[in-house]
Amino acid sequence: MTLPLWFSLLGAAVVISFTPGAGAINTMSNSIRVGWRRSLWGIIGQQLALLIHVAIVAAGVGLLVSRSPVLFEVIRYAGAGYLVYLGVRMLLARPQPEQLQDSAPAGRLYMVRQGLLVNLLNPKAIVFFLALTPQFIRPDAPQLPQYLVFMATIVLVDVLVMFLFFAAMARTFQRFTATVRGARIQNIVFGTLFIFVAVLLVLAR
């Protein structure tokens, strides 16, 4: 990959990462609930999903998903359903004082799995990468090195943006959510946001 082409990829990756979505909402929610540093585990799960999306596109399955309305709709509604599940669970949660003082927050594996599912169950991401990837992969050059550069750039930029921007920004609200009332408001806000993104996922064409 030439340097000018890589700079174009870098710019695209920055724009993609700063675009608000379910991943950003999940990152901010984790940062407030379990802390800025521990929110990195959810971000890792989200990156695993990005790698899977690129691998699907590279394998040609992405083309099948984009051309199969039934398969696309199944994945789309599954993704929306999972976001609604997360949202409703947060809306129904009733924080208690003893829970706010709990020293054992959400486990790392749970956060990785949730981050993975939040990003993975989004067929539009597959279609997006299907449109984006060919712009930076030369068919007349070795494929593996190009895909490694492509994936490393996308993942590194997304980790930095999620951790140093979205998670860090949400960190400032931790003192507010240390109370039962604040924690309840946090659940309402992020629960509503998850459901809102799910609705957008279903309605968007």
C-alpha atoms as a PDB file:
ATOM      1  CA  MET A   1       0.000   0.000   0.000  1.00  0.00           C
ATOM      2  CA  THR A   2       1.471   3.320  -1.049  1.00  0.00           C
ATOM      3  CA  LEU A   3       1.830   6.108   1.500  1.00  0.00           C
ATOM      4  CA  PRO A   4      -0.729   8.450  -0.184  1.00  0.00           C
ATOM      5  CA  LEU A   5      -3.243   5.603  -0.319  1.00  0.00           C
ATOM      6  CA  TRP A   6      -2.580   4.792   3.338  1.00  0.00           C
ATOM      7  CA  PHE A   7      -3.202   8.421   4.334  1.00  0.00           C
ATOM      8  CA  SER A   8      -6.550   8.214   2.525  1.00  0.00           C
ATOM      9  CA  LEU A   9      -7.330   5.056   4.464  1.00  0.00           C
ATOM     10  CA  LEU A  10      -6.306   6.775   7.705  1.00  0.00           C
ATOM     11  CA  GLY A  11      -8.669   9.674   7.009  1.00  0.00           C
ATOM     12  CA  ALA A  12     -11.538   7.303   6.218  1.00  0.00           C
ATOM     13  CA  ALA A  13     -10.859   5.316   9.396  1.00  0.00           C
ATOM     14  CA  VAL A  14     -10.955   8.473  11.535  1.00  0.00           C
ATOM     15  CA  VAL A  15     -14.285   9.566  10.035  1.00  0.00           C
ATOM     16  CA  ILE A  16     -15.755   6.083  10.510  1.00  0.00           C
ATOM     17  CA  SER A  17     -14.667   5.873  14.153  1.00  0.00           C
ATOM     18  CA  PHE A  18     -15.979   9.313  15.087  1.00  0.00           C
ATOM     19  CA  THR A  19     -19.393   8.554  13.564  1.00  0.00           C
ATOM     20  CA  PRO A  20     -21.696   7.888  16.567  1.00  0.00           C
ATOM     21  CA  GLY A  21     -23.228   4.442  16.671  1.00  0.00           C
ATOM     22  CA  ALA A  22     -23.917   1.457  18.868  1.00  0.00           C
ATOM     23  CA  GLY A  23     -20.193   0.916  19.457  1.00  0.00           C
ATOM     24  CA  ALA A  24     -19.709   4.436  20.798  1.00  0.00           C
ATOM     25  CA  ILE A  25     -22.781   4.115  23.009  1.00  0.00           C
ATOM     26  CA  ASN A  26     -21.563   0.783  24.357  1.00  0.00           C
ATOM     27  CA  THR A  27     -18.110   2.255  25.062  1.00  0.00           C
ATOM     28  CA  MET A  28     -19.484   5.275  26.911  1.00  0.00           C
ATOM     29  CA  SER A  29     -21.864   3.139  28.948  1.00  0.00           C
ATOM     30  CA  ASN A  30     -19.044   0.787  29.964  1.00  0.00           C
ATOM     31  CA  SER A  31     -16.754   3.681  30.867  1.00  0.00           C
ATOM     32  CA  ILE A  32     -19.354   5.144  33.220  1.00  0.00           C
ATOM     33  CA  ARG A  33     -20.348   1.788  34.755  1.00  0.00           C
ATOM     34  CA  VAL A  34     -16.986   0.092  35.262  1.00  0.00           C
ATOM     35  CA  GLY A  35     -14.401   2.797  34.696  1.00  0.00           C
ATOM     36  CA  TRP A  36     -12.321   4.200  31.887  1.00  0.00           C
ATOM     37  CA  ARG A  37      -9.564   1.551  31.936  1.00  0.00           C
ATOM     38  CA  ARG A  38     -11.901  -1.440  32.180  1.00  0.00           C
ATOM     39  CA  SER A  39     -13.994  -0.126  29.280  1.00  0.00           C
ATOM     40  CA  LEU A  40     -11.109  -1.232  27.055  1.00  0.00           C
ATOM     41  CA  TRP A  41     -12.409  -4.819  27.260  1.00  0.00           C
ATOM     42  CA  GLY A  42     -15.643  -3.835  25.539  1.00  0.00           C
ATOM     43  CA  ILE A  43     -13.620  -1.978  22.901  1.00  0.00           C
ATOM     44  CA  ILE A  44     -11.577  -5.135  22.284  1.00  0.00           C
ATOM     45  CA  GLY A  45     -14.793  -7.043  21.600  1.00  0.00           C
ATOM     46  CA  GLN A  46     -15.878  -4.373  19.142  1.00  0.00           C
ATOM     47  CA  GLN A  47     -12.549  -4.660  17.300  1.00  0.00           C
ATOM     48  CA  LEU A  48     -12.932  -8.423  17.021  1.00  0.00           C
ATOM     49  CA  ALA A  49     -16.226  -7.768  15.259  1.00  0.00           C
ATOM     50  CA  LEU A  50     -14.542  -5.344  12.846  1.00  0.00           C
ATOM     51  CA  LEU A  51     -11.900  -7.951  12.028  1.00  0.00           C
ATOM     52  CA  ILE A  52     -14.621 -10.527  11.380  1.00  0.00           C
ATOM     53  CA  HIS A  53     -16.437  -8.081   9.094  1.00  0.00           C
ATOM     54  CA  VAL A  54     -13.298  -7.476   7.029  1.00  0.00           C
ATOM     55  CA  ALA A  55     -12.556 -11.212   6.930  1.00  0.00           C
ATOM     56  CA  ILE A  56     -16.112 -11.864   5.698  1.00  0.00           C
ATOM     57  CA  VAL A  57     -15.654  -9.308   2.935  1.00  0.00           C
ATOM     58  CA  ALA A  58     -12.229 -10.705   2.007  1.00  0.00           C
ATOM     59  CA  ALA A  59     -13.698 -14.208   1.800  1.00  0.00           C
ATOM     60  CA  GLY A  60     -16.450 -13.019  -0.516  1.00  0.00           C
ATOM     61  CA  VAL A  61     -19.265 -13.806   1.906  1.00  0.00           C
ATOM     62  CA  GLY A  62     -20.009 -10.094   2.207  1.00  0.00           C
ATOM     63  CA  LEU A  63     -21.091 -10.070  -1.412  1.00  0.00           C
ATOM     64  CA  LEU A  64     -23.501 -12.905  -0.663  1.00  0.00           C
ATOM     65  CA  VAL A  65     -24.968 -11.000   2.299  1.00  0.00           C
ATOM     66  CA  SER A  66     -25.388  -7.814   0.269  1.00  0.00           C
ATOM     67  CA  ARG A  67     -27.120  -9.703  -2.561  1.00  0.00           C
ATOM     68  CA  SER A  68     -29.341 -11.885  -0.399  1.00  0.00           C
ATOM     69  CA  PRO A  69     -32.269  -9.803   0.931  1.00  0.00           C
ATOM     70  CA  VAL A  70     -33.419 -12.606   3.238  1.00  0.00           C
ATOM     71  CA  LEU A  71     -30.012 -13.162   4.849  1.00  0.00           C
ATOM     72  CA  PHE A  72     -29.468  -9.417   5.149  1.00  0.00           C
ATOM     73  CA  GLU A  73     -32.841  -8.942   6.860  1.00  0.00           C
ATOM     74  CA  VAL A  74     -32.255 -11.843   9.270  1.00  0.00           C
ATOM     75  CA  ILE A  75     -28.937 -10.384  10.422  1.00  0.00           C
ATOM     76  CA  ARG A  76     -30.359  -6.857  10.530  1.00  0.00           C
ATOM     77  CA  TYR A  77     -33.302  -7.788  12.749  1.00  0.00           C
ATOM     78  CA  ALA A  78     -31.099  -9.970  14.951  1.00  0.00           C
ATOM     79  CA  GLY A  79     -28.805  -6.991  15.487  1.00  0.00           C
ATOM     80  CA  ALA A  80     -31.686  -4.653  16.207  1.00  0.00           C
ATOM     81  CA  GLY A  81     -33.192  -7.201  18.575  1.00  0.00           C
ATOM     82  CA  TYR A  82     -29.965  -7.474  20.546  1.00  0.00           C
ATOM     83  CA  LEU A  83     -29.719  -3.683  20.889  1.00  0.00           C
ATOM     84  CA  VAL A  84     -33.338  -3.540  22.067  1.00  0.00           C
ATOM     85  CA  TYR A  85     -32.553  -6.293  24.584  1.00  0.00           C
ATOM     86  CA  LEU A  86     -29.624  -4.257  25.960  1.00  0.00           C
ATOM     87  CA  GLY A  87     -31.755  -1.113  26.056  1.00  0.00           C
ATOM     88  CA  VAL A  88     -34.735  -2.699  27.794  1.00  0.00           C
ATOM     89  CA  ARG A  89     -32.479  -4.402  30.328  1.00  0.00           C
ATOM     90  CA  MET A  90     -30.942  -1.038  31.229  1.00  0.00           C
ATOM     91  CA  LEU A  91     -34.349   0.657  31.404  1.00  0.00           C
ATOM     92  CA  LEU A  92     -35.682  -2.004  33.767  1.00  0.00           C
ATOM     93  CA  ALA A  93     -32.601  -2.048  35.990  1.00  0.00           C
ATOM     94  CA  ARG A  94     -33.142  -0.608  39.465  1.00  0.00           C
ATOM     95  CA  PRO A  95     -29.777   0.440  40.947  1.00  0.00           C
ATOM     96  CA  GLN A  96     -29.435  -0.054  44.692  1.00  0.00           C
ATOM     97  CA  PRO A  97     -26.947   1.697  47.020  1.00  0.00           C
ATOM     98  CA  GLU A  98     -25.136  -1.564  47.780  1.00  0.00           C
ATOM     99  CA  GLN A  99     -24.759  -2.256  44.053  1.00  0.00           C
ATOM    100  CA  LEU A 100     -23.045   1.086  43.494  1.00  0.00           C
ATOM    101  CA  GLN A 101     -20.446   0.116  46.068  1.00  0.00           C
ATOM    102  CA  ASP A 102     -19.881  -3.323  44.596  1.00  0.00           C
ATOM    103  CA  SER A 103     -16.163  -3.932  44.064  1.00  0.00           C
ATOM    104  CA  ALA A 104     -16.736  -6.628  41.418  1.00  0.00           C
ATOM    105  CA  PRO A 105     -17.975  -4.895  38.257  1.00  0.00           C
ATOM    106  CA  ALA A 106     -18.887  -6.604  35.005  1.00  0.00           C
ATOM    107  CA  GLY A 107     -16.417  -9.327  34.021  1.00  0.00           C
ATOM    108  CA  ARG A 108     -13.945  -8.870  31.196  1.00  0.00           C
ATOM    109  CA  LEU A 109     -15.282 -11.770  29.153  1.00  0.00           C
ATOM    110  CA  TYR A 110     -18.838 -10.444  29.433  1.00  0.00           C
ATOM    111  CA  MET A 111     -17.734  -7.019  28.195  1.00  0.00           C
ATOM    112  CA  VAL A 112     -15.751  -8.519  25.295  1.00  0.00           C
ATOM    113  CA  ARG A 113     -18.749 -10.643  24.288  1.00  0.00           C
ATOM    114  CA  GLN A 114     -21.164  -7.728  24.490  1.00  0.00           C
ATOM    115  CA  GLY A 115     -18.860  -5.486  22.450  1.00  0.00           C
ATOM    116  CA  LEU A 116     -18.456  -8.260  19.878  1.00  0.00           C
ATOM    117  CA  LEU A 117     -22.198  -8.766  19.459  1.00  0.00           C
ATOM    118  CA  VAL A 118     -22.982  -5.029  19.363  1.00  0.00           C
ATOM    119  CA  ASN A 119     -20.736  -4.538  16.333  1.00  0.00           C
ATOM    120  CA  LEU A 120     -21.044  -7.966  14.745  1.00  0.00           C
ATOM    121  CA  LEU A 121     -24.835  -8.042  14.377  1.00  0.00           C
ATOM    122  CA  ASN A 122     -24.850  -5.145  11.950  1.00  0.00           C
ATOM    123  CA  PRO A 123     -25.122  -6.261   8.312  1.00  0.00           C
ATOM    124  CA  LYS A 124     -24.759  -2.670   7.137  1.00  0.00           C
ATOM    125  CA  ALA A 125     -21.206  -2.746   8.479  1.00  0.00           C
ATOM    126  CA  ILE A 126     -20.486  -5.699   6.184  1.00  0.00           C
ATOM    127  CA  VAL A 127     -21.965  -3.858   3.201  1.00  0.00           C
ATOM    128  CA  PHE A 128     -20.038  -0.734   4.214  1.00  0.00           C
ATOM    129  CA  PHE A 129     -16.741  -2.610   4.316  1.00  0.00           C
ATOM    130  CA  LEU A 130     -17.688  -4.296   1.053  1.00  0.00           C
ATOM    131  CA  ALA A 131     -17.838  -0.836  -0.542  1.00  0.00           C
ATOM    132  CA  LEU A 132     -14.826   0.558   1.329  1.00  0.00           C
ATOM    133  CA  THR A 133     -12.299  -2.261   1.171  1.00  0.00           C
ATOM    134  CA  PRO A 134     -11.805  -2.454  -2.638  1.00  0.00           C
ATOM    135  CA  GLN A 135     -10.828   1.225  -2.644  1.00  0.00           C
ATOM    136  CA  PHE A 136      -7.635   0.354  -0.741  1.00  0.00           C
ATOM    137  CA  ILE A 137      -6.799  -3.164  -1.956  1.00  0.00           C
ATOM    138  CA  ARG A 138      -4.950  -3.527  -5.254  1.00  0.00           C
ATOM    139  CA  PRO A 139      -5.919  -6.774  -7.013  1.00  0.00           C
ATOM    140  CA  ASP A 140      -2.585  -6.902  -8.882  1.00  0.00           C
ATOM    141  CA  ALA A 141      -0.517  -6.940  -5.651  1.00  0.00           C
ATOM    142  CA  PRO A 142      -0.179  -9.546  -2.854  1.00  0.00           C
ATOM    143  CA  GLN A 143      -3.441  -9.542  -0.919  1.00  0.00           C
ATOM    144  CA  LEU A 144      -2.385 -10.587   2.590  1.00  0.00           C
ATOM    145  CA  PRO A 145      -0.002  -7.670   3.317  1.00  0.00           C
ATOM    146  CA  GLN A 146      -2.602  -5.194   2.065  1.00  0.00           C
ATOM    147  CA  TYR A 147      -5.362  -6.662   4.212  1.00  0.00           C
ATOM    148  CA  LEU A 148      -3.061  -6.683   7.254  1.00  0.00           C
ATOM    149  CA  VAL A 149      -2.300  -2.973   6.779  1.00  0.00           C
ATOM    150  CA  PHE A 150      -5.986  -2.258   6.160  1.00  0.00           C
ATOM    151  CA  MET A 151      -7.193  -4.096   9.269  1.00  0.00           C
ATOM    152  CA  ALA A 152      -4.394  -2.795  11.498  1.00  0.00           C
ATOM    153  CA  THR A 153      -5.197   0.795  10.517  1.00  0.00           C
ATOM    154  CA  ILE A 154      -8.958   0.429  10.986  1.00  0.00           C
ATOM    155  CA  VAL A 155      -8.584  -1.297  14.374  1.00  0.00           C
ATOM    156  CA  LEU A 156      -5.849   0.980  15.763  1.00  0.00           C
ATOM    157  CA  VAL A 157      -7.742   4.150  14.878  1.00  0.00           C
ATOM    158  CA  ASP A 158     -11.005   2.797  16.285  1.00  0.00           C
ATOM    159  CA  VAL A 159      -9.350   1.744  19.561  1.00  0.00           C
ATOM    160  CA  LEU A 160      -7.763   5.178  19.990  1.00  0.00           C
ATOM    161  CA  VAL A 161     -10.987   7.040  19.201  1.00  0.00           C
ATOM    162  CA  MET A 162     -13.164   4.807  21.393  1.00  0.00           C
ATOM    163  CA  PHE A 163     -10.765   4.780  24.343  1.00  0.00           C
ATOM    164  CA  LEU A 164      -9.302   8.287  24.244  1.00  0.00           C
ATOM    165  CA  PHE A 165     -12.436  10.129  23.096  1.00  0.00           C
ATOM    166  CA  PHE A 166     -15.730   8.344  23.805  1.00  0.00           C
ATOM    167  CA  ALA A 167     -14.624   6.459  26.941  1.00  0.00           C
ATOM    168  CA  ALA A 168     -12.628   9.426  28.261  1.00  0.00           C
ATOM    169  CA  MET A 169     -15.512  11.811  27.618  1.00  0.00           C
ATOM    170  CA  ALA A 170     -17.950   9.547  29.481  1.00  0.00           C
ATOM    171  CA  ARG A 171     -15.470   9.272  32.348  1.00  0.00           C
ATOM    172  CA  THR A 172     -16.323  12.819  33.412  1.00  0.00           C
ATOM    173  CA  PHE A 173     -19.846  11.675  34.361  1.00  0.00           C
ATOM    174  CA  GLN A 174     -18.733   8.976  36.810  1.00  0.00           C
ATOM    175  CA  ARG A 175     -19.135  11.193  39.871  1.00  0.00           C
ATOM    176  CA  PHE A 176     -22.704  11.988  38.820  1.00  0.00           C
ATOM    177  CA  THR A 177     -23.597   8.310  38.367  1.00  0.00           C
ATOM    178  CA  ALA A 178     -22.163   7.365  41.779  1.00  0.00           C
ATOM    179  CA  THR A 179     -25.601   8.056  43.283  1.00  0.00           C
ATOM    180  CA  VAL A 180     -28.697   5.893  42.872  1.00  0.00           C
ATOM    181  CA  ARG A 181     -30.521   8.712  41.067  1.00  0.00           C
ATOM    182  CA  GLY A 182     -27.554   9.331  38.765  1.00  0.00           C
ATOM    183  CA  ALA A 183     -27.186   5.631  37.981  1.00  0.00           C
ATOM    184  CA  ARG A 184     -30.898   5.430  37.177  1.00  0.00           C
ATOM    185  CA  ILE A 185     -30.659   8.408  34.806  1.00  0.00           C
ATOM    186  CA  GLN A 186     -27.634   6.813  33.159  1.00  0.00           C
ATOM    187  CA  ASN A 187     -29.606   3.594  32.563  1.00  0.00           C
ATOM    188  CA  ILE A 188     -32.505   5.543  31.082  1.00  0.00           C
ATOM    189  CA  VAL A 189     -30.258   7.591  28.775  1.00  0.00           C
ATOM    190  CA  PHE A 190     -28.163   4.718  27.450  1.00  0.00           C
ATOM    191  CA  GLY A 191     -31.074   2.275  27.369  1.00  0.00           C
ATOM    192  CA  THR A 192     -33.023   4.748  25.243  1.00  0.00           C
ATOM    193  CA  LEU A 193     -30.013   5.322  22.984  1.00  0.00           C
ATOM    194  CA  PHE A 194     -29.593   1.582  22.366  1.00  0.00           C
ATOM    195  CA  ILE A 195     -33.268   1.278  21.402  1.00  0.00           C
ATOM    196  CA  PHE A 196     -33.019   4.397  19.220  1.00  0.00           C
ATOM    197  CA  VAL A 197     -30.064   2.935  17.296  1.00  0.00           C
ATOM    198  CA  ALA A 198     -32.003  -0.335  16.922  1.00  0.00           C
ATOM    199  CA  VAL A 199     -34.932   1.559  15.397  1.00  0.00           C
ATOM    200  CA  LEU A 200     -32.575   3.337  13.008  1.00  0.00           C
ATOM    201  CA  LEU A 201     -31.069  -0.005  12.031  1.00  0.00           C
ATOM    202  CA  VAL A 202     -34.513  -1.367  11.166  1.00  0.00           C
ATOM    203  CA  LEU A 203     -35.813   1.734   9.378  1.00  0.00           C
ATOM    204  CA  ALA A 204     -32.666   2.716   7.478  1.00  0.00           C
ATOM    205  CA  ARG A 205     -32.448   1.461   3.914  1.00  0.00           C
END
